[in-house]
Amino acid sequence: MKGGIDILTGKAMLPSIEGVWDNYRVKRQFIQLSTVIASQLLLVDEVMSAGKNMGQQSTNNMEEDV
């Protein structure tokens, strides 16, 4: 089964034989980045939750002072 097209000839070719590894590299990079992105999203969620809780605490403190 052929998996690519030679842009010079227009014929089908096997990318691995021709040394084309772009799809493999792109997919590998997506898998590696997905863990980084997930970690960053969890960090943002944690920071936003902490900020929300601090806002509630300062509101409660203001009500107690009055």
N, C-alpha and C. Protein backbone atom coordinates (compact mmCIF):
# COMPACT_ATOMS: atom_id res chain seq x y z
N MET A 1 0.85 -1.18 0.00
CA MET A 1 0.00 0.00 0.00
C MET A 1 0.89 1.24 0.00
N LYS A 2 0.68 2.11 -0.92
CA LYS A 2 1.44 3.35 -1.02
C LYS A 2 0.83 4.38 -0.07
N GLY A 3 1.67 5.26 0.46
CA GLY A 3 1.18 6.21 1.44
C GLY A 3 1.43 7.66 1.12
N GLY A 4 2.00 7.95 -0.03
CA GLY A 4 2.28 9.33 -0.35
C GLY A 4 2.38 9.56 -1.84
N ILE A 5 2.55 10.81 -2.22
CA ILE A 5 2.66 11.18 -3.63
C ILE A 5 3.97 11.93 -3.83
N ASP A 6 4.72 11.50 -4.79
CA ASP A 6 5.96 12.19 -5.15
C ASP A 6 5.57 13.47 -5.90
N ILE A 7 5.92 14.61 -5.36
CA ILE A 7 5.49 15.87 -5.97
C ILE A 7 6.21 16.17 -7.28
N LEU A 8 7.33 15.52 -7.51
CA LEU A 8 8.05 15.74 -8.76
C LEU A 8 7.48 14.93 -9.92
N THR A 9 7.08 13.67 -9.62
CA THR A 9 6.58 12.80 -10.68
C THR A 9 5.07 12.63 -10.65
N GLY A 10 4.45 12.86 -9.51
CA GLY A 10 3.01 12.66 -9.37
C GLY A 10 2.62 11.21 -9.12
N LYS A 11 3.60 10.34 -8.97
CA LYS A 11 3.34 8.92 -8.74
C LYS A 11 3.30 8.62 -7.24
N ALA A 12 2.62 7.51 -6.92
CA ALA A 12 2.55 7.06 -5.53
C ALA A 12 3.92 6.56 -5.08
N MET A 13 4.20 6.75 -3.79
CA MET A 13 5.49 6.30 -3.26
C MET A 13 5.32 5.97 -1.78
N LEU A 14 6.27 5.24 -1.25
CA LEU A 14 6.31 4.93 0.19
C LEU A 14 7.16 6.00 0.88
N PRO A 15 6.54 6.78 1.76
CA PRO A 15 7.30 7.85 2.41
C PRO A 15 8.51 7.35 3.19
N SER A 16 8.41 6.19 3.84
CA SER A 16 9.54 5.71 4.65
C SER A 16 10.76 5.38 3.78
N ILE A 17 10.53 4.88 2.59
CA ILE A 17 11.64 4.56 1.69
C ILE A 17 12.30 5.84 1.18
N GLU A 18 11.50 6.86 0.95
CA GLU A 18 12.02 8.13 0.45
C GLU A 18 12.59 9.01 1.57
N GLY A 19 12.42 8.57 2.82
CA GLY A 19 12.96 9.34 3.95
C GLY A 19 12.05 10.46 4.43
N VAL A 20 10.77 10.35 4.17
CA VAL A 20 9.81 11.36 4.61
C VAL A 20 9.19 10.89 5.93
N TRP A 21 9.43 11.61 7.00
CA TRP A 21 8.92 11.23 8.31
C TRP A 21 8.09 12.35 8.94
N ASP A 22 7.62 13.29 8.16
CA ASP A 22 6.89 14.44 8.70
C ASP A 22 5.66 14.03 9.50
N ASN A 23 4.84 13.15 8.96
CA ASN A 23 3.62 12.76 9.67
C ASN A 23 3.95 12.11 11.01
N TYR A 24 4.95 11.26 11.04
CA TYR A 24 5.35 10.62 12.28
C TYR A 24 5.81 11.66 13.29
N ARG A 25 6.60 12.60 12.86
CA ARG A 25 7.13 13.62 13.77
C ARG A 25 6.01 14.53 14.28
N VAL A 26 5.09 14.87 13.42
CA VAL A 26 3.97 15.73 13.83
C VAL A 26 3.12 15.02 14.87
N LYS A 27 2.80 13.76 14.62
CA LYS A 27 1.98 13.00 15.58
C LYS A 27 2.71 12.83 16.91
N ARG A 28 4.00 12.54 16.85
CA ARG A 28 4.78 12.39 18.08
C ARG A 28 4.79 13.70 18.86
N GLN A 29 4.94 14.81 18.17
CA GLN A 29 4.96 16.11 18.84
C GLN A 29 3.60 16.42 19.48
N PHE A 30 2.51 16.07 18.79
CA PHE A 30 1.17 16.28 19.37
C PHE A 30 1.00 15.48 20.65
N ILE A 31 1.48 14.25 20.66
CA ILE A 31 1.37 13.42 21.86
C ILE A 31 2.19 14.01 23.00
N GLN A 32 3.39 14.48 22.70
CA GLN A 32 4.22 15.08 23.74
C GLN A 32 3.62 16.39 24.24
N LEU A 33 3.08 17.19 23.34
CA LEU A 33 2.51 18.46 23.75
C LEU A 33 1.20 18.31 24.52
N SER A 34 0.47 17.23 24.26
CA SER A 34 -0.82 17.06 24.92
C SER A 34 -0.65 16.96 26.43
N THR A 35 0.42 16.31 26.91
CA THR A 35 0.63 16.24 28.35
C THR A 35 1.00 17.60 28.93
N VAL A 36 1.78 18.37 28.20
CA VAL A 36 2.16 19.71 28.66
C VAL A 36 0.92 20.62 28.72
N ILE A 37 0.10 20.56 27.69
CA ILE A 37 -1.11 21.39 27.64
C ILE A 37 -2.06 21.02 28.76
N ALA A 38 -2.24 19.71 28.99
CA ALA A 38 -3.12 19.26 30.08
C ALA A 38 -2.62 19.76 31.42
N SER A 39 -1.32 19.69 31.66
CA SER A 39 -0.74 20.18 32.91
C SER A 39 -0.97 21.67 33.08
N GLN A 40 -0.78 22.42 32.00
CA GLN A 40 -0.97 23.87 32.07
C GLN A 40 -2.43 24.23 32.34
N LEU A 41 -3.36 23.51 31.73
CA LEU A 41 -4.78 23.76 31.98
C LEU A 41 -5.14 23.47 33.44
N LEU A 42 -4.61 22.39 33.99
CA LEU A 42 -4.86 22.09 35.40
C LEU A 42 -4.28 23.17 36.30
N LEU A 43 -3.11 23.68 35.96
CA LEU A 43 -2.50 24.74 36.75
C LEU A 43 -3.35 26.01 36.71
N VAL A 44 -3.82 26.38 35.53
CA VAL A 44 -4.67 27.57 35.40
C VAL A 44 -5.95 27.39 36.21
N ASP A 45 -6.53 26.20 36.16
CA ASP A 45 -7.75 25.93 36.93
C ASP A 45 -7.48 26.06 38.42
N GLU A 46 -6.35 25.55 38.86
CA GLU A 46 -6.00 25.63 40.28
C GLU A 46 -5.79 27.08 40.72
N VAL A 47 -5.12 27.87 39.90
CA VAL A 47 -4.88 29.27 40.23
C VAL A 47 -6.20 30.05 40.27
N MET A 48 -7.07 29.78 39.31
CA MET A 48 -8.37 30.48 39.30
C MET A 48 -9.21 30.10 40.51
N SER A 49 -9.19 28.84 40.90
CA SER A 49 -9.94 28.41 42.08
C SER A 49 -9.39 29.08 43.34
N ALA A 50 -8.07 29.15 43.44
CA ALA A 50 -7.45 29.80 44.60
C ALA A 50 -7.82 31.28 44.64
N GLY A 51 -7.80 31.94 43.50
CA GLY A 51 -8.18 33.35 43.45
C GLY A 51 -9.63 33.57 43.82
N LYS A 52 -10.49 32.69 43.38
CA LYS A 52 -11.91 32.80 43.70
C LYS A 52 -12.12 32.62 45.20
N ASN A 53 -11.42 31.65 45.79
CA ASN A 53 -11.54 31.42 47.23
C ASN A 53 -11.01 32.60 48.02
N MET A 54 -9.92 33.21 47.57
CA MET A 54 -9.37 34.38 48.27
C MET A 54 -10.34 35.55 48.18
N GLY A 55 -11.01 35.70 47.04
CA GLY A 55 -11.99 36.76 46.89
C GLY A 55 -13.16 36.59 47.84
N GLN A 56 -13.58 35.36 48.04
CA GLN A 56 -14.67 35.08 48.96
C GLN A 56 -14.24 35.34 50.40
N GLN A 57 -13.00 35.00 50.74
CA GLN A 57 -12.50 35.21 52.09
C GLN A 57 -12.41 36.70 52.41
N SER A 58 -11.94 37.50 51.46
CA SER A 58 -11.83 38.93 51.73
C SER A 58 -13.21 39.56 51.84
N THR A 59 -14.19 39.06 51.09
CA THR A 59 -15.56 39.56 51.21
C THR A 59 -16.11 39.23 52.58
N ASN A 60 -15.87 38.01 53.05
CA ASN A 60 -16.33 37.61 54.39
C ASN A 60 -15.66 38.43 55.47
N ASN A 61 -14.37 38.72 55.33
CA ASN A 61 -13.66 39.54 56.30
C ASN A 61 -14.20 40.97 56.34
N MET A 62 -14.56 41.52 55.17
CA MET A 62 -15.12 42.87 55.12
C MET A 62 -16.48 42.91 55.83
N GLU A 63 -17.29 41.88 55.64
CA GLU A 63 -18.61 41.83 56.28
C GLU A 63 -18.46 41.73 57.79
N GLU A 64 -17.46 41.01 58.27
CA GLU A 64 -17.25 40.87 59.72
C GLU A 64 -16.76 42.18 60.32
N ASP A 65 -16.00 42.97 59.56
CA ASP A 65 -15.48 44.24 60.06
C ASP A 65 -16.58 45.28 60.22
N VAL A 66 -17.67 45.16 59.45
CA VAL A 66 -18.72 46.17 59.47
C VAL A 66 -19.62 45.96 60.59
